[in-house]
Amino acid sequence: MVKYFNFQDVPQFDYDTLTPHEFKLLYYGAVFQPFYQPKDETENESKFLDLYKENKFAEAIPFGVLGVKENPMNLSLIHKVALCGNYTKNDPIFWNYYRLMIPLIQTIKNSGDGESEATAYVVINGNDEYEILTDLEVRKDKQSIVNDCEKFNLKTNDLGLKVLYFNTAPTRFTNK
């Protein structure tokens, strides 16, 4: 198996040098990597989340950084590490993870429009659905499963969206 590229292996790596196509390959290619376990938390991620929930953001950052090293396409974790950087005024952490988060969100948004099963946003982790909801500034009302998709009925929102579909088929891949 080809070794998966780890952003943290390259000091001062500039995410801006990657094209949208390369981010797409990294994001969706993650399902074929040994670290891909969409329903499991690593020990570092678990420690990070515990500290994050306690608002101990500075203490959480090192565990979040390690968690992202273990699963570099964990969008929810990347987002929370960026938030910790923001809350603690740690600009290098904030910008490093924010600059990784935005193209990953765009990768998902480029996968469809989310308005039907046929044009559903494709995600590799159920948590990524919530990152898209946050990015679009919409909130779910109800959630159901329709074939390979999760259907989110939405609360009234400024975009006028009533429903979003997420194709979760990639989450059925596992390397356990």
C-alpha atoms as a PDB file:
ATOM      1  CA  MET A   1       0.000   0.000   0.000  1.00  0.00           C
ATOM      2  CA  VAL A   2       1.187   3.494  -0.775  1.00  0.00           C
ATOM      3  CA  LYS A   3       2.140   5.532   2.298  1.00  0.00           C
ATOM      4  CA  TYR A   4      -0.391   8.283   2.881  1.00  0.00           C
ATOM      5  CA  PHE A   5       1.008  11.803   2.851  1.00  0.00           C
ATOM      6  CA  ASN A   6       1.054  13.297   6.363  1.00  0.00           C
ATOM      7  CA  PHE A   7       0.906  17.086   6.455  1.00  0.00           C
ATOM      8  CA  GLN A   8       2.705  17.138   9.810  1.00  0.00           C
ATOM      9  CA  ASP A   9       5.737  15.330   8.359  1.00  0.00           C
ATOM     10  CA  VAL A  10       6.717  18.465   6.467  1.00  0.00           C
ATOM     11  CA  PRO A  11       7.680  21.435   8.640  1.00  0.00           C
ATOM     12  CA  GLN A  12       6.313  24.734   7.351  1.00  0.00           C
ATOM     13  CA  PHE A  13       4.235  22.949   4.700  1.00  0.00           C
ATOM     14  CA  ASP A  14       2.169  25.439   2.710  1.00  0.00           C
ATOM     15  CA  TYR A  15      -1.367  24.101   2.158  1.00  0.00           C
ATOM     16  CA  ASP A  16      -1.893  26.836  -0.407  1.00  0.00           C
ATOM     17  CA  THR A  17       0.305  24.901  -2.827  1.00  0.00           C
ATOM     18  CA  LEU A  18      -2.235  22.069  -3.082  1.00  0.00           C
ATOM     19  CA  THR A  19      -4.856  22.245  -5.798  1.00  0.00           C
ATOM     20  CA  PRO A  20      -8.537  21.502  -5.176  1.00  0.00           C
ATOM     21  CA  HIS A  21      -8.014  18.223  -7.043  1.00  0.00           C
ATOM     22  CA  GLU A  22      -5.154  17.249  -4.707  1.00  0.00           C
ATOM     23  CA  PHE A  23      -7.306  18.005  -1.654  1.00  0.00           C
ATOM     24  CA  LYS A  24     -10.037  15.840  -3.181  1.00  0.00           C
ATOM     25  CA  LEU A  25      -7.589  12.967  -3.609  1.00  0.00           C
ATOM     26  CA  LEU A  26      -6.343  13.358  -0.037  1.00  0.00           C
ATOM     27  CA  TYR A  27      -9.821  13.584   1.499  1.00  0.00           C
ATOM     28  CA  TYR A  28     -11.517  10.728  -0.356  1.00  0.00           C
ATOM     29  CA  GLY A  29      -8.335   8.650  -0.547  1.00  0.00           C
ATOM     30  CA  ALA A  30      -8.250   8.600   3.250  1.00  0.00           C
ATOM     31  CA  VAL A  31     -10.829   5.778   3.273  1.00  0.00           C
ATOM     32  CA  PHE A  32      -8.141   3.446   1.920  1.00  0.00           C
ATOM     33  CA  GLN A  33      -5.538   4.312   4.558  1.00  0.00           C
ATOM     34  CA  PRO A  34      -4.782   2.347   7.739  1.00  0.00           C
ATOM     35  CA  PHE A  35      -5.706   5.300   9.962  1.00  0.00           C
ATOM     36  CA  TYR A  36      -9.255   5.484   8.544  1.00  0.00           C
ATOM     37  CA  GLN A  37     -11.686   4.427  11.248  1.00  0.00           C
ATOM     38  CA  PRO A  38     -14.734   6.700  10.887  1.00  0.00           C
ATOM     39  CA  LYS A  39     -16.404   5.626  14.106  1.00  0.00           C
ATOM     40  CA  ASP A  40     -13.366   5.325  16.399  1.00  0.00           C
ATOM     41  CA  GLU A  41     -11.575   8.001  18.402  1.00  0.00           C
ATOM     42  CA  THR A  42      -7.874   7.721  19.055  1.00  0.00           C
ATOM     43  CA  GLU A  43      -6.634   8.138  22.615  1.00  0.00           C
ATOM     44  CA  ASN A  44      -5.223  11.568  21.731  1.00  0.00           C
ATOM     45  CA  GLU A  45      -8.496  12.669  20.162  1.00  0.00           C
ATOM     46  CA  SER A  46     -10.403  11.485  23.221  1.00  0.00           C
ATOM     47  CA  LYS A  47      -8.079  13.412  25.573  1.00  0.00           C
ATOM     48  CA  PHE A  48      -8.374  16.467  23.349  1.00  0.00           C
ATOM     49  CA  LEU A  49     -12.177  16.335  23.346  1.00  0.00           C
ATOM     50  CA  ASP A  50     -12.329  15.959  27.130  1.00  0.00           C
ATOM     51  CA  LEU A  51     -10.157  19.048  27.611  1.00  0.00           C
ATOM     52  CA  TYR A  52     -12.022  20.926  24.878  1.00  0.00           C
ATOM     53  CA  LYS A  53     -15.352  20.279  26.616  1.00  0.00           C
ATOM     54  CA  GLU A  54     -13.830  21.653  29.835  1.00  0.00           C
ATOM     55  CA  ASN A  55     -12.718  24.806  27.945  1.00  0.00           C
ATOM     56  CA  LYS A  56      -9.071  23.942  28.652  1.00  0.00           C
ATOM     57  CA  PHE A  57      -8.085  24.979  25.155  1.00  0.00           C
ATOM     58  CA  ALA A  58      -4.341  25.539  25.685  1.00  0.00           C
ATOM     59  CA  GLU A  59      -4.002  22.125  27.352  1.00  0.00           C
ATOM     60  CA  ALA A  60      -6.061  20.506  24.586  1.00  0.00           C
ATOM     61  CA  ILE A  61      -3.960  21.745  21.659  1.00  0.00           C
ATOM     62  CA  PRO A  62      -1.074  19.225  21.950  1.00  0.00           C
ATOM     63  CA  PHE A  63      -3.518  16.295  22.006  1.00  0.00           C
ATOM     64  CA  GLY A  64      -5.409  17.749  19.061  1.00  0.00           C
ATOM     65  CA  VAL A  65      -2.212  18.159  17.066  1.00  0.00           C
ATOM     66  CA  LEU A  66      -1.320  14.514  17.773  1.00  0.00           C
ATOM     67  CA  GLY A  67      -4.861  13.424  16.912  1.00  0.00           C
ATOM     68  CA  VAL A  68      -4.650  15.139  13.531  1.00  0.00           C
ATOM     69  CA  LYS A  69      -1.281  13.453  12.918  1.00  0.00           C
ATOM     70  CA  GLU A  70      -3.022  10.111  13.542  1.00  0.00           C
ATOM     71  CA  ASN A  71      -5.940  10.986  11.246  1.00  0.00           C
ATOM     72  CA  PRO A  72      -5.071  13.953   9.011  1.00  0.00           C
ATOM     73  CA  MET A  73      -8.532  14.082   7.397  1.00  0.00           C
ATOM     74  CA  ASN A  74     -10.497  14.313  10.666  1.00  0.00           C
ATOM     75  CA  LEU A  75     -12.314  17.504   9.721  1.00  0.00           C
ATOM     76  CA  SER A  76     -14.147  17.893  13.019  1.00  0.00           C
ATOM     77  CA  LEU A  77     -10.894  17.609  14.975  1.00  0.00           C
ATOM     78  CA  ILE A  78      -9.086  19.984  12.605  1.00  0.00           C
ATOM     79  CA  HIS A  79     -11.863  22.532  13.144  1.00  0.00           C
ATOM     80  CA  LYS A  80     -11.742  22.227  16.929  1.00  0.00           C
ATOM     81  CA  VAL A  81      -7.930  22.540  17.000  1.00  0.00           C
ATOM     82  CA  ALA A  82      -8.252  25.714  14.901  1.00  0.00           C
ATOM     83  CA  LEU A  83     -10.834  27.021  17.377  1.00  0.00           C
ATOM     84  CA  CYS A  84      -8.472  26.284  20.281  1.00  0.00           C
ATOM     85  CA  GLY A  85      -5.802  28.287  18.501  1.00  0.00           C
ATOM     86  CA  ASN A  86      -8.267  31.144  18.102  1.00  0.00           C
ATOM     87  CA  TYR A  87      -9.495  31.005  21.713  1.00  0.00           C
ATOM     88  CA  THR A  88      -5.929  31.029  23.067  1.00  0.00           C
ATOM     89  CA  LYS A  89      -4.692  33.644  20.582  1.00  0.00           C
ATOM     90  CA  ASN A  90      -2.228  31.062  19.244  1.00  0.00           C
ATOM     91  CA  ASP A  91      -2.150  32.362  15.674  1.00  0.00           C
ATOM     92  CA  PRO A  92       0.182  29.700  14.225  1.00  0.00           C
ATOM     93  CA  ILE A  93      -2.117  26.903  15.432  1.00  0.00           C
ATOM     94  CA  PHE A  94      -5.242  28.747  14.298  1.00  0.00           C
ATOM     95  CA  TRP A  95      -3.975  29.555  10.826  1.00  0.00           C
ATOM     96  CA  ASN A  96      -2.301  26.180  10.260  1.00  0.00           C
ATOM     97  CA  TYR A  97      -5.494  24.246  10.951  1.00  0.00           C
ATOM     98  CA  TYR A  98      -7.881  26.812   9.479  1.00  0.00           C
ATOM     99  CA  ARG A  99      -5.929  26.707   6.199  1.00  0.00           C
ATOM    100  CA  LEU A 100      -6.332  22.930   6.168  1.00  0.00           C
ATOM    101  CA  MET A 101     -10.011  22.991   7.178  1.00  0.00           C
ATOM    102  CA  ILE A 102     -11.315  25.380   4.511  1.00  0.00           C
ATOM    103  CA  PRO A 103     -10.189  23.404   1.418  1.00  0.00           C
ATOM    104  CA  LEU A 104     -11.490  20.184   2.978  1.00  0.00           C
ATOM    105  CA  ILE A 105     -14.908  21.772   3.492  1.00  0.00           C
ATOM    106  CA  GLN A 106     -14.763  23.057  -0.083  1.00  0.00           C
ATOM    107  CA  THR A 107     -13.878  19.550  -1.284  1.00  0.00           C
ATOM    108  CA  ILE A 108     -17.094  18.225   0.245  1.00  0.00           C
ATOM    109  CA  LYS A 109     -19.138  21.134  -1.110  1.00  0.00           C
ATOM    110  CA  ASN A 110     -17.688  20.491  -4.578  1.00  0.00           C
ATOM    111  CA  SER A 111     -18.913  16.865  -4.444  1.00  0.00           C
ATOM    112  CA  GLY A 112     -22.538  17.905  -5.041  1.00  0.00           C
ATOM    113  CA  ASP A 113     -25.145  20.452  -4.044  1.00  0.00           C
ATOM    114  CA  GLY A 114     -26.764  18.375  -1.294  1.00  0.00           C
ATOM    115  CA  GLU A 115     -30.256  18.975  -2.644  1.00  0.00           C
ATOM    116  CA  SER A 116     -31.074  15.361  -3.596  1.00  0.00           C
ATOM    117  CA  GLU A 117     -29.813  11.810  -3.183  1.00  0.00           C
ATOM    118  CA  ALA A 118     -28.249  11.991  -6.647  1.00  0.00           C
ATOM    119  CA  THR A 119     -26.408  15.233  -5.858  1.00  0.00           C
ATOM    120  CA  ALA A 120     -25.676  14.598  -2.187  1.00  0.00           C
ATOM    121  CA  TYR A 121     -22.541  15.913  -0.540  1.00  0.00           C
ATOM    122  CA  VAL A 122     -20.132  12.982  -0.199  1.00  0.00           C
ATOM    123  CA  VAL A 123     -18.490  12.636   3.212  1.00  0.00           C
ATOM    124  CA  ILE A 124     -16.024  10.126   4.651  1.00  0.00           C
ATOM    125  CA  ASN A 125     -17.133  10.665   8.247  1.00  0.00           C
ATOM    126  CA  GLY A 126     -20.558  11.369   9.720  1.00  0.00           C
ATOM    127  CA  ASN A 127     -19.096  14.243  11.741  1.00  0.00           C
ATOM    128  CA  ASP A 128     -18.212  15.978   8.471  1.00  0.00           C
ATOM    129  CA  GLU A 129     -21.935  16.469   7.824  1.00  0.00           C
ATOM    130  CA  TYR A 130     -22.072  18.782  10.814  1.00  0.00           C
ATOM    131  CA  GLU A 131     -19.056  20.733   9.584  1.00  0.00           C
ATOM    132  CA  ILE A 132     -20.973  21.465   6.378  1.00  0.00           C
ATOM    133  CA  LEU A 133     -24.089  22.469   8.324  1.00  0.00           C
ATOM    134  CA  THR A 134     -21.913  24.841  10.373  1.00  0.00           C
ATOM    135  CA  ASP A 135     -20.257  26.253   7.262  1.00  0.00           C
ATOM    136  CA  LEU A 136     -23.634  26.883   5.622  1.00  0.00           C
ATOM    137  CA  GLU A 137     -24.981  28.323   8.879  1.00  0.00           C
ATOM    138  CA  VAL A 138     -27.972  25.983   8.915  1.00  0.00           C
ATOM    139  CA  ARG A 139     -29.306  23.704  11.643  1.00  0.00           C
ATOM    140  CA  LYS A 140     -30.981  20.338  11.357  1.00  0.00           C
ATOM    141  CA  ASP A 141     -34.527  19.739  12.470  1.00  0.00           C
ATOM    142  CA  LYS A 142     -34.763  15.999  11.737  1.00  0.00           C
ATOM    143  CA  GLN A 143     -32.396  13.401  10.361  1.00  0.00           C
ATOM    144  CA  SER A 144     -33.171  10.151   8.571  1.00  0.00           C
ATOM    145  CA  ILE A 145     -31.446   7.556   6.414  1.00  0.00           C
ATOM    146  CA  VAL A 146     -32.444   7.233   2.761  1.00  0.00           C
ATOM    147  CA  ASN A 147     -30.503   4.502   0.922  1.00  0.00           C
ATOM    148  CA  ASP A 148     -26.800   5.538   1.007  1.00  0.00           C
ATOM    149  CA  CYS A 149     -27.662   9.030   2.218  1.00  0.00           C
ATOM    150  CA  GLU A 150     -28.446  10.794   5.409  1.00  0.00           C
ATOM    151  CA  LYS A 151     -31.237  13.289   4.904  1.00  0.00           C
ATOM    152  CA  PHE A 152     -31.292  16.380   7.089  1.00  0.00           C
ATOM    153  CA  ASN A 153     -34.537  18.325   7.254  1.00  0.00           C
ATOM    154  CA  LEU A 154     -33.425  21.830   8.134  1.00  0.00           C
ATOM    155  CA  LYS A 155     -34.796  24.538  10.360  1.00  0.00           C
ATOM    156  CA  THR A 156     -35.756  27.787   8.654  1.00  0.00           C
ATOM    157  CA  ASN A 157     -32.577  29.476   7.451  1.00  0.00           C
ATOM    158  CA  ASP A 158     -31.348  32.477   5.459  1.00  0.00           C
ATOM    159  CA  LEU A 159     -30.420  30.275   2.480  1.00  0.00           C
ATOM    160  CA  GLY A 160     -33.970  28.983   2.113  1.00  0.00           C
ATOM    161  CA  LEU A 161     -32.718  25.391   2.234  1.00  0.00           C
ATOM    162  CA  LYS A 162     -35.281  22.879   3.451  1.00  0.00           C
ATOM    163  CA  VAL A 163     -33.239  19.685   3.184  1.00  0.00           C
ATOM    164  CA  LEU A 164     -29.665  18.500   2.654  1.00  0.00           C
ATOM    165  CA  TYR A 165     -28.482  15.042   1.640  1.00  0.00           C
ATOM    166  CA  PHE A 166     -25.123  13.536   2.543  1.00  0.00           C
ATOM    167  CA  ASN A 167     -23.834  10.412   0.818  1.00  0.00           C
ATOM    168  CA  THR A 168     -22.234   8.370   3.585  1.00  0.00           C
ATOM    169  CA  ALA A 169     -21.302   5.342   1.455  1.00  0.00           C
ATOM    170  CA  PRO A 170     -17.533   5.990   1.919  1.00  0.00           C
ATOM    171  CA  THR A 171     -17.964   5.496   5.686  1.00  0.00           C
ATOM    172  CA  ARG A 172     -18.599   1.810   5.007  1.00  0.00           C
ATOM    173  CA  PHE A 173     -14.935   1.357   4.079  1.00  0.00           C
ATOM    174  CA  THR A 174     -12.774   0.273   6.956  1.00  0.00           C
ATOM    175  CA  ASN A 175      -9.249  -0.942   7.346  1.00  0.00           C
ATOM    176  CA  LYS A 176      -9.725  -2.892  10.573  1.00  0.00           C
END
